[in-house]
């Protein structure tokens, strides 16, 4: 007897859920994706998972992402992230994940990047909910990069690449 999820009944169906994904490019700078997992054997709750997202990234590295994710009985959340210029050398970066299931922000960060010909500086403040019963934890990241030489501080550039779709340090 196979149990893929602890606490649920063993699988007895002779077929698996149906999974589909659709991706489209909407012009030069826009793209979108949507996915769905549908279980024809489920009693009244046929959609197990779903997601939809819209991404914007232009040649000037302006980035904006909006997505929604759903997993039955586990996840129901929105995710907004981006990098946007405030001037010729200054950019704001950030991400906000809100859970409708917990009715609160689970992850949020915001910061600034300052970029010149010879050096770059990044500052990010993060609020992270690691346990529903506890208050969120706050942390700060600072990084100074001397272009072509070295980086001083936490790996803020890698953190931003991992957390903002389309973000690139170059």
N, C-alpha and C. Protein backbone atom coordinates (compact mmCIF):
# COMPACT_ATOMS: atom_id res chain seq x y z
N UNK A 1 0.85 -1.18 0.00
CA UNK A 1 0.00 0.00 0.00
C UNK A 1 0.89 1.23 0.00
N UNK A 2 0.62 2.11 -0.93
CA UNK A 2 1.44 3.31 -1.08
C UNK A 2 0.72 4.50 -0.45
N UNK A 3 1.43 5.20 0.42
CA UNK A 3 0.91 6.42 1.03
C UNK A 3 1.88 7.55 0.69
N UNK A 4 1.47 8.43 -0.18
CA UNK A 4 2.34 9.53 -0.56
C UNK A 4 2.31 10.66 0.46
N UNK A 5 1.21 10.78 1.18
CA UNK A 5 1.09 11.80 2.20
C UNK A 5 0.71 11.12 3.50
N UNK A 6 1.51 11.29 4.56
CA UNK A 6 1.18 10.67 5.85
C UNK A 6 -0.20 11.10 6.33
N UNK A 7 -0.95 10.15 6.86
CA UNK A 7 -2.27 10.45 7.37
C UNK A 7 -3.39 10.32 6.35
N UNK A 8 -3.05 10.18 5.09
CA UNK A 8 -4.08 10.00 4.06
C UNK A 8 -4.20 8.53 3.72
N UNK A 9 -5.33 8.16 3.16
CA UNK A 9 -5.57 6.76 2.78
C UNK A 9 -4.62 6.33 1.68
N UNK A 10 -4.31 5.02 1.61
CA UNK A 10 -3.47 4.53 0.52
C UNK A 10 -4.12 4.78 -0.84
N UNK A 11 -3.31 4.94 -1.87
CA UNK A 11 -3.83 5.15 -3.21
C UNK A 11 -4.41 3.86 -3.77
N UNK A 12 -5.61 3.97 -4.34
CA UNK A 12 -6.25 2.81 -4.95
C UNK A 12 -6.68 3.09 -6.38
N UNK A 13 -6.50 4.32 -6.83
CA UNK A 13 -6.91 4.69 -8.18
C UNK A 13 -5.99 4.05 -9.21
N UNK A 14 -6.53 3.81 -10.40
CA UNK A 14 -5.71 3.22 -11.46
C UNK A 14 -5.18 4.27 -12.43
N UNK A 15 -5.31 5.56 -12.07
CA UNK A 15 -4.75 6.64 -12.90
C UNK A 15 -4.28 7.76 -11.98
N UNK A 16 -3.47 8.63 -12.52
CA UNK A 16 -2.92 9.73 -11.74
C UNK A 16 -3.64 11.03 -12.07
N UNK A 17 -3.40 12.07 -11.28
CA UNK A 17 -3.98 13.37 -11.63
C UNK A 17 -3.45 13.88 -12.97
N UNK A 18 -4.19 14.78 -13.57
CA UNK A 18 -3.82 15.38 -14.84
C UNK A 18 -3.11 16.71 -14.53
N UNK A 19 -1.95 16.90 -15.15
CA UNK A 19 -1.15 18.10 -14.91
C UNK A 19 -0.93 18.83 -16.23
N UNK A 20 -1.08 20.14 -16.19
CA UNK A 20 -0.84 20.93 -17.39
C UNK A 20 -0.20 22.27 -17.05
N UNK A 21 0.53 22.78 -18.02
CA UNK A 21 1.16 24.09 -17.85
C UNK A 21 1.10 24.83 -19.17
N UNK A 22 0.90 26.12 -19.09
CA UNK A 22 0.83 26.97 -20.26
C UNK A 22 1.76 28.15 -20.02
N UNK A 23 2.59 28.45 -20.99
CA UNK A 23 3.49 29.60 -20.90
C UNK A 23 3.36 30.41 -22.17
N UNK A 24 3.41 31.72 -22.04
CA UNK A 24 3.28 32.58 -23.21
C UNK A 24 4.15 33.82 -23.03
N UNK A 25 4.68 34.28 -24.14
CA UNK A 25 5.42 35.54 -24.16
C UNK A 25 4.49 36.60 -24.73
N UNK A 26 4.25 37.63 -23.97
CA UNK A 26 3.30 38.67 -24.35
C UNK A 26 4.05 39.94 -24.74
N UNK A 27 4.72 39.90 -25.85
CA UNK A 27 5.53 41.03 -26.27
C UNK A 27 6.98 40.83 -25.86
N UNK A 28 7.79 41.84 -26.08
CA UNK A 28 9.22 41.74 -25.85
C UNK A 28 9.57 41.59 -24.37
N UNK A 29 8.84 42.26 -23.47
CA UNK A 29 9.23 42.33 -22.06
C UNK A 29 8.32 41.54 -21.11
N UNK A 30 7.22 41.02 -21.60
CA UNK A 30 6.24 40.36 -20.74
C UNK A 30 6.16 38.87 -21.03
N UNK A 31 5.99 38.10 -19.95
CA UNK A 31 5.69 36.67 -20.13
C UNK A 31 4.77 36.23 -18.99
N UNK A 32 4.07 35.14 -19.24
CA UNK A 32 3.13 34.64 -18.25
C UNK A 32 3.16 33.12 -18.25
N UNK A 33 2.85 32.54 -17.11
CA UNK A 33 2.74 31.08 -16.99
C UNK A 33 1.54 30.75 -16.12
N UNK A 34 0.98 29.59 -16.36
CA UNK A 34 -0.12 29.09 -15.54
C UNK A 34 -0.03 27.57 -15.52
N UNK A 35 -0.29 27.00 -14.37
CA UNK A 35 -0.24 25.54 -14.24
C UNK A 35 -1.36 25.05 -13.35
N UNK A 36 -1.73 23.78 -13.56
CA UNK A 36 -2.85 23.21 -12.81
C UNK A 36 -2.65 21.71 -12.66
N UNK A 37 -2.97 21.20 -11.49
CA UNK A 37 -3.00 19.75 -11.26
C UNK A 37 -4.42 19.39 -10.85
N UNK A 38 -5.07 18.56 -11.65
CA UNK A 38 -6.47 18.22 -11.47
C UNK A 38 -6.59 16.72 -11.20
N UNK A 39 -7.29 16.37 -10.13
CA UNK A 39 -7.47 14.97 -9.76
C UNK A 39 -8.92 14.56 -10.02
N UNK A 40 -9.17 13.76 -11.06
CA UNK A 40 -10.55 13.39 -11.36
C UNK A 40 -11.17 12.46 -10.32
N UNK A 41 -10.36 11.90 -9.42
CA UNK A 41 -10.86 10.97 -8.41
C UNK A 41 -11.19 11.63 -7.08
N UNK A 42 -10.84 12.89 -6.91
CA UNK A 42 -11.08 13.59 -5.65
C UNK A 42 -12.57 13.82 -5.45
N UNK A 43 -13.00 13.75 -4.21
CA UNK A 43 -14.41 13.94 -3.88
C UNK A 43 -14.73 15.42 -3.70
N UNK A 44 -15.18 16.06 -4.76
CA UNK A 44 -15.62 17.44 -4.69
C UNK A 44 -14.51 18.48 -4.75
N UNK A 45 -13.28 18.09 -4.45
CA UNK A 45 -12.15 19.03 -4.51
C UNK A 45 -11.17 18.51 -5.55
N UNK A 46 -11.44 18.81 -6.80
CA UNK A 46 -10.67 18.23 -7.89
C UNK A 46 -9.34 18.93 -8.16
N UNK A 47 -9.21 20.20 -7.82
CA UNK A 47 -7.96 20.91 -8.10
C UNK A 47 -7.02 20.75 -6.91
N UNK A 48 -5.89 20.06 -7.14
CA UNK A 48 -4.90 19.85 -6.08
C UNK A 48 -3.92 21.01 -5.99
N UNK A 49 -3.46 21.47 -7.14
CA UNK A 49 -2.47 22.55 -7.18
C UNK A 49 -2.76 23.46 -8.35
N UNK A 50 -2.38 24.72 -8.19
CA UNK A 50 -2.52 25.67 -9.27
C UNK A 50 -1.58 26.84 -9.07
N UNK A 51 -1.21 27.46 -10.16
CA UNK A 51 -0.36 28.64 -10.09
C UNK A 51 -0.58 29.49 -11.33
N UNK A 52 -0.35 30.78 -11.16
CA UNK A 52 -0.41 31.72 -12.28
C UNK A 52 0.57 32.84 -11.98
N UNK A 53 1.27 33.29 -13.01
CA UNK A 53 2.24 34.35 -12.79
C UNK A 53 2.39 35.22 -14.03
N UNK A 54 2.77 36.47 -13.77
CA UNK A 54 3.07 37.44 -14.82
C UNK A 54 4.43 38.04 -14.48
N UNK A 55 5.31 38.12 -15.48
CA UNK A 55 6.67 38.62 -15.28
C UNK A 55 6.97 39.72 -16.30
N UNK A 56 7.60 40.77 -15.81
CA UNK A 56 8.05 41.87 -16.67
C UNK A 56 9.55 42.06 -16.45
N UNK A 57 10.30 42.12 -17.54
CA UNK A 57 11.74 42.42 -17.47
C UNK A 57 12.12 43.10 -18.77
N UNK A 58 12.66 44.31 -18.66
CA UNK A 58 13.02 45.05 -19.87
C UNK A 58 14.55 45.13 -20.01
N UNK A 59 15.05 45.66 -21.11
CA UNK A 59 16.50 45.74 -21.33
C UNK A 59 17.24 46.59 -20.29
N UNK A 60 16.54 47.45 -19.57
CA UNK A 60 17.17 48.27 -18.53
C UNK A 60 17.19 47.55 -17.17
N UNK A 61 16.88 46.25 -17.16
CA UNK A 61 16.85 45.42 -15.95
C UNK A 61 15.81 45.87 -14.93
N UNK A 62 14.74 46.47 -15.42
CA UNK A 62 13.59 46.72 -14.55
C UNK A 62 12.80 45.43 -14.51
N UNK A 63 12.51 44.96 -13.31
CA UNK A 63 11.88 43.66 -13.12
C UNK A 63 10.66 43.81 -12.22
N UNK A 64 9.57 43.13 -12.60
CA UNK A 64 8.37 43.10 -11.77
C UNK A 64 7.72 41.73 -11.95
N UNK A 65 7.39 41.07 -10.85
CA UNK A 65 6.79 39.73 -10.87
C UNK A 65 5.57 39.71 -9.97
N UNK A 66 4.52 39.07 -10.42
CA UNK A 66 3.32 38.85 -9.62
C UNK A 66 2.86 37.42 -9.85
N UNK A 67 2.67 36.68 -8.76
CA UNK A 67 2.22 35.29 -8.93
C UNK A 67 1.27 34.90 -7.81
N UNK A 68 0.55 33.82 -8.08
CA UNK A 68 -0.38 33.23 -7.12
C UNK A 68 -0.15 31.72 -7.13
N UNK A 69 -0.06 31.12 -5.94
CA UNK A 69 0.14 29.67 -5.81
C UNK A 69 -0.91 29.09 -4.88
N UNK A 70 -1.37 27.89 -5.24
CA UNK A 70 -2.37 27.19 -4.44
C UNK A 70 -2.02 25.71 -4.40
N UNK A 71 -1.99 25.15 -3.20
CA UNK A 71 -1.90 23.70 -3.00
C UNK A 71 -2.97 23.36 -1.97
N UNK A 72 -3.88 22.49 -2.34
CA UNK A 72 -5.03 22.20 -1.48
C UNK A 72 -4.60 21.83 -0.06
N UNK A 73 -5.21 22.49 0.92
CA UNK A 73 -4.99 22.28 2.35
C UNK A 73 -3.59 22.68 2.83
N UNK A 74 -2.76 23.29 1.99
CA UNK A 74 -1.41 23.67 2.42
C UNK A 74 -1.05 25.11 2.10
N UNK A 75 -1.18 25.52 0.84
CA UNK A 75 -0.68 26.82 0.39
C UNK A 75 -1.78 27.58 -0.35
N UNK A 76 -1.89 28.86 -0.04
CA UNK A 76 -2.78 29.78 -0.75
C UNK A 76 -2.15 31.15 -0.60
N UNK A 77 -1.30 31.55 -1.56
CA UNK A 77 -0.51 32.75 -1.36
C UNK A 77 -0.24 33.53 -2.64
N UNK A 78 0.03 34.81 -2.44
CA UNK A 78 0.47 35.68 -3.52
C UNK A 78 1.94 36.03 -3.30
N UNK A 79 2.60 36.40 -4.38
CA UNK A 79 4.04 36.71 -4.33
C UNK A 79 4.29 37.87 -5.28
N UNK A 80 4.78 38.97 -4.75
CA UNK A 80 5.10 40.15 -5.53
C UNK A 80 6.57 40.47 -5.31
N UNK A 81 7.34 40.65 -6.39
CA UNK A 81 8.76 40.96 -6.26
C UNK A 81 9.20 41.85 -7.41
N UNK A 82 10.35 42.51 -7.21
CA UNK A 82 10.84 43.33 -8.30
C UNK A 82 12.10 44.10 -7.97
N UNK A 83 12.59 44.76 -9.01
CA UNK A 83 13.73 45.68 -8.94
C UNK A 83 13.37 46.85 -9.84
N UNK A 84 13.41 48.08 -9.31
CA UNK A 84 12.97 49.23 -10.08
C UNK A 84 13.87 50.42 -9.79
N UNK A 85 14.20 51.22 -10.82
CA UNK A 85 15.08 52.37 -10.61
C UNK A 85 14.36 53.52 -9.90
N UNK A 86 15.11 54.19 -9.03
CA UNK A 86 14.63 55.42 -8.41
C UNK A 86 15.40 56.62 -8.97
N UNK A 87 16.43 56.34 -9.73
CA UNK A 87 17.27 57.34 -10.34
C UNK A 87 18.26 56.63 -11.25
N UNK A 88 19.26 57.34 -11.72
CA UNK A 88 20.20 56.71 -12.65
C UNK A 88 21.08 55.66 -11.98
N UNK A 89 21.40 55.82 -10.69
CA UNK A 89 22.29 54.88 -10.00
C UNK A 89 21.62 54.14 -8.86
N UNK A 90 20.41 54.50 -8.49
CA UNK A 90 19.75 53.93 -7.32
C UNK A 90 18.54 53.09 -7.74
N UNK A 91 18.46 51.86 -7.17
CA UNK A 91 17.34 50.96 -7.45
C UNK A 91 16.74 50.48 -6.13
N UNK A 92 15.45 50.26 -6.15
CA UNK A 92 14.78 49.64 -5.02
C UNK A 92 14.54 48.18 -5.39
N UNK A 93 14.70 47.27 -4.41
CA UNK A 93 14.45 45.85 -4.61
C UNK A 93 13.51 45.38 -3.51
N UNK A 94 12.72 44.34 -3.80
CA UNK A 94 11.84 43.85 -2.75
C UNK A 94 11.05 42.63 -3.16
N UNK A 95 10.48 42.02 -2.13
CA UNK A 95 9.60 40.87 -2.33
C UNK A 95 8.62 40.82 -1.16
N UNK A 96 7.38 40.43 -1.47
CA UNK A 96 6.35 40.31 -0.45
C UNK A 96 5.53 39.06 -0.75
N UNK A 97 5.52 38.12 0.18
CA UNK A 97 4.71 36.91 0.05
C UNK A 97 3.65 36.95 1.15
N UNK A 98 2.39 36.89 0.73
CA UNK A 98 1.27 36.93 1.67
C UNK A 98 0.51 35.61 1.60
N UNK A 99 0.26 35.01 2.77
CA UNK A 99 -0.48 33.76 2.85
C UNK A 99 -1.92 34.04 3.26
N UNK A 100 -2.87 33.67 2.40
CA UNK A 100 -4.28 33.79 2.75
C UNK A 100 -4.66 32.75 3.80
N UNK A 101 -3.99 31.64 3.79
CA UNK A 101 -4.25 30.56 4.75
C UNK A 101 -3.91 31.01 6.18
N UNK A 102 -2.74 31.62 6.38
CA UNK A 102 -2.35 32.11 7.69
C UNK A 102 -2.81 33.56 7.93
N UNK A 103 -3.29 34.21 6.88
CA UNK A 103 -3.75 35.60 6.92
C UNK A 103 -2.65 36.54 7.42
N UNK A 104 -1.44 36.33 6.91
CA UNK A 104 -0.34 37.22 7.25
C UNK A 104 0.81 37.09 6.25
N UNK A 105 1.71 38.05 6.32
CA UNK A 105 2.90 38.04 5.49
C UNK A 105 3.85 36.96 6.01
N UNK A 106 4.31 36.09 5.11
CA UNK A 106 5.26 35.05 5.53
C UNK A 106 6.70 35.44 5.22
N UNK A 107 6.91 36.20 4.15
CA UNK A 107 8.24 36.68 3.80
C UNK A 107 8.10 38.07 3.21
N UNK A 108 8.98 38.96 3.63
CA UNK A 108 9.02 40.29 3.04
C UNK A 108 10.44 40.82 3.17
N UNK A 109 10.91 41.45 2.11
CA UNK A 109 12.16 42.18 2.21
C UNK A 109 12.12 43.37 1.27
N UNK A 110 12.88 44.37 1.64
CA UNK A 110 13.00 45.58 0.82
C UNK A 110 14.40 46.13 1.00
N UNK A 111 14.89 46.76 -0.04
CA UNK A 111 16.23 47.31 0.06
C UNK A 111 16.56 48.21 -1.10
N UNK A 112 17.82 48.63 -1.10
CA UNK A 112 18.33 49.54 -2.11
C UNK A 112 19.64 49.03 -2.68
N UNK A 113 19.88 49.37 -3.93
CA UNK A 113 21.16 49.14 -4.59
C UNK A 113 21.65 50.48 -5.10
N UNK A 114 22.91 50.77 -4.87
CA UNK A 114 23.52 51.95 -5.44
C UNK A 114 24.68 51.48 -6.30
N UNK A 115 24.68 51.88 -7.58
CA UNK A 115 25.64 51.35 -8.54
C UNK A 115 26.36 52.49 -9.25
N UNK A 116 27.69 52.48 -9.18
CA UNK A 116 28.49 53.45 -9.92
C UNK A 116 29.43 52.69 -10.85
N UNK A 117 30.30 53.41 -11.50
CA UNK A 117 31.23 52.76 -12.43
C UNK A 117 32.22 51.86 -11.71
N UNK A 118 32.57 52.16 -10.48
CA UNK A 118 33.66 51.45 -9.78
C UNK A 118 33.21 50.61 -8.60
N UNK A 119 32.04 50.89 -8.04
CA UNK A 119 31.59 50.13 -6.88
C UNK A 119 30.06 50.05 -6.86
N UNK A 120 29.58 49.11 -6.05
CA UNK A 120 28.14 48.89 -5.90
C UNK A 120 27.88 48.57 -4.43
N UNK A 121 26.80 49.10 -3.89
CA UNK A 121 26.42 48.81 -2.51
C UNK A 121 24.97 48.34 -2.49
N UNK A 122 24.70 47.37 -1.61
CA UNK A 122 23.35 46.83 -1.46
C UNK A 122 23.00 46.78 0.03
N UNK A 123 21.77 47.15 0.35
CA UNK A 123 21.25 47.05 1.70
C UNK A 123 19.86 46.45 1.62
N UNK A 124 19.61 45.39 2.38
CA UNK A 124 18.30 44.72 2.37
C UNK A 124 17.89 44.43 3.81
N UNK A 125 16.64 44.73 4.14
CA UNK A 125 16.04 44.36 5.41
C UNK A 125 14.99 43.31 5.13
N UNK A 126 15.01 42.23 5.91
CA UNK A 126 14.12 41.09 5.66
C UNK A 126 13.30 40.78 6.91
N UNK A 127 12.04 40.43 6.69
CA UNK A 127 11.18 39.92 7.76
C UNK A 127 10.71 38.54 7.32
N UNK A 128 10.98 37.53 8.15
CA UNK A 128 10.71 36.14 7.77
C UNK A 128 9.94 35.45 8.88
N UNK A 129 8.82 34.84 8.52
CA UNK A 129 8.01 34.07 9.45
C UNK A 129 8.43 32.62 9.34
N UNK A 130 9.10 32.09 10.35
CA UNK A 130 9.58 30.71 10.31
C UNK A 130 8.68 29.75 11.08
N UNK A 131 7.84 30.29 11.97
CA UNK A 131 6.93 29.48 12.76
C UNK A 131 5.66 30.29 12.98
N UNK A 132 4.52 29.69 12.71
CA UNK A 132 3.23 30.39 12.81
C UNK A 132 2.97 30.87 14.24
N UNK A 133 3.45 30.14 15.23
CA UNK A 133 3.21 30.50 16.63
C UNK A 133 4.15 31.59 17.14
N UNK A 134 5.15 31.97 16.37
CA UNK A 134 6.13 32.97 16.82
C UNK A 134 6.03 34.23 15.99
N UNK A 135 6.66 35.28 16.48
CA UNK A 135 6.74 36.53 15.72
C UNK A 135 7.74 36.37 14.59
N UNK A 136 7.58 37.15 13.52
CA UNK A 136 8.57 37.09 12.42
C UNK A 136 9.95 37.55 12.88
N UNK A 137 10.96 37.02 12.22
CA UNK A 137 12.34 37.41 12.52
C UNK A 137 12.78 38.47 11.51
N UNK A 138 13.51 39.45 12.00
CA UNK A 138 14.00 40.52 11.15
C UNK A 138 15.52 40.42 11.05
N UNK A 139 16.03 40.59 9.85
CA UNK A 139 17.47 40.58 9.64
C UNK A 139 17.84 41.63 8.60
N UNK A 140 19.12 42.01 8.60
CA UNK A 140 19.62 43.03 7.70
C UNK A 140 20.84 42.50 6.97
N UNK A 141 20.96 42.83 5.70
CA UNK A 141 22.10 42.42 4.88
C UNK A 141 22.73 43.66 4.25
N UNK A 142 24.05 43.71 4.28
CA UNK A 142 24.78 44.80 3.67
C UNK A 142 25.91 44.20 2.85
N UNK A 143 26.12 44.77 1.66
CA UNK A 143 27.21 44.30 0.81
C UNK A 143 27.77 45.49 0.03
N UNK A 144 29.10 45.57 0.00
CA UNK A 144 29.80 46.55 -0.82
C UNK A 144 30.67 45.78 -1.79
N UNK A 145 30.57 46.13 -3.06
CA UNK A 145 31.33 45.44 -4.10
C UNK A 145 32.24 46.44 -4.80
N UNK A 146 33.52 46.15 -4.76
CA UNK A 146 34.49 46.93 -5.53
C UNK A 146 34.64 46.21 -6.85
N UNK A 147 34.10 46.77 -7.91
CA UNK A 147 34.00 46.06 -9.18
C UNK A 147 35.36 45.60 -9.68
N UNK A 148 35.43 44.33 -10.00
CA UNK A 148 36.66 43.73 -10.50
C UNK A 148 37.62 43.32 -9.41
N UNK A 149 37.30 43.64 -8.14
CA UNK A 149 38.21 43.29 -7.05
C UNK A 149 37.60 42.32 -6.05
N UNK A 150 36.65 42.80 -5.24
CA UNK A 150 36.13 41.96 -4.16
C UNK A 150 34.76 42.44 -3.71
N UNK A 151 34.08 41.57 -2.96
CA UNK A 151 32.81 41.90 -2.32
C UNK A 151 33.02 41.79 -0.82
N UNK A 152 32.47 42.76 -0.09
CA UNK A 152 32.55 42.76 1.36
C UNK A 152 31.13 42.69 1.90
N UNK A 153 30.86 41.72 2.78
CA UNK A 153 29.54 41.57 3.37
C UNK A 153 28.88 40.29 2.93
N UNK A 154 27.63 40.14 3.36
CA UNK A 154 26.85 38.96 3.02
C UNK A 154 26.62 38.87 1.51
N UNK A 155 26.28 37.69 1.02
CA UNK A 155 26.00 37.49 -0.41
C UNK A 155 24.65 38.03 -0.81
N UNK A 156 24.47 39.34 -0.69
CA UNK A 156 23.18 39.96 -0.99
C UNK A 156 22.83 39.79 -2.46
N UNK A 157 23.82 39.88 -3.35
CA UNK A 157 23.55 39.72 -4.77
C UNK A 157 22.97 38.34 -5.07
N UNK A 158 23.53 37.29 -4.46
CA UNK A 158 23.01 35.94 -4.67
C UNK A 158 21.63 35.77 -4.05
N UNK A 159 21.41 36.39 -2.90
CA UNK A 159 20.11 36.35 -2.24
C UNK A 159 19.04 36.96 -3.16
N UNK A 160 19.36 38.10 -3.77
CA UNK A 160 18.40 38.76 -4.66
C UNK A 160 18.16 37.94 -5.92
N UNK A 161 19.20 37.33 -6.48
CA UNK A 161 19.03 36.47 -7.65
C UNK A 161 18.14 35.27 -7.33
N UNK A 162 18.26 34.73 -6.12
CA UNK A 162 17.44 33.58 -5.72
C UNK A 162 15.99 33.96 -5.43
N UNK A 163 15.75 35.21 -5.05
CA UNK A 163 14.42 35.59 -4.58
C UNK A 163 13.63 36.51 -5.50
N UNK A 164 14.24 37.05 -6.54
CA UNK A 164 13.52 37.89 -7.49
C UNK A 164 13.72 37.30 -8.88
N UNK A 165 12.66 36.74 -9.44
CA UNK A 165 12.75 36.14 -10.77
C UNK A 165 13.15 37.21 -11.78
N UNK A 166 14.18 36.93 -12.56
CA UNK A 166 14.65 37.87 -13.57
C UNK A 166 15.73 38.82 -13.10
N UNK A 167 16.03 38.83 -11.80
CA UNK A 167 17.07 39.70 -11.28
C UNK A 167 18.44 39.15 -11.68
N UNK A 168 19.29 40.04 -12.17
CA UNK A 168 20.67 39.67 -12.51
C UNK A 168 21.60 40.74 -12.00
N UNK A 169 22.77 40.32 -11.54
CA UNK A 169 23.71 41.28 -10.98
C UNK A 169 24.52 42.00 -12.05
N UNK A 170 24.57 41.48 -13.27
CA UNK A 170 25.38 42.14 -14.31
C UNK A 170 24.69 43.33 -14.92
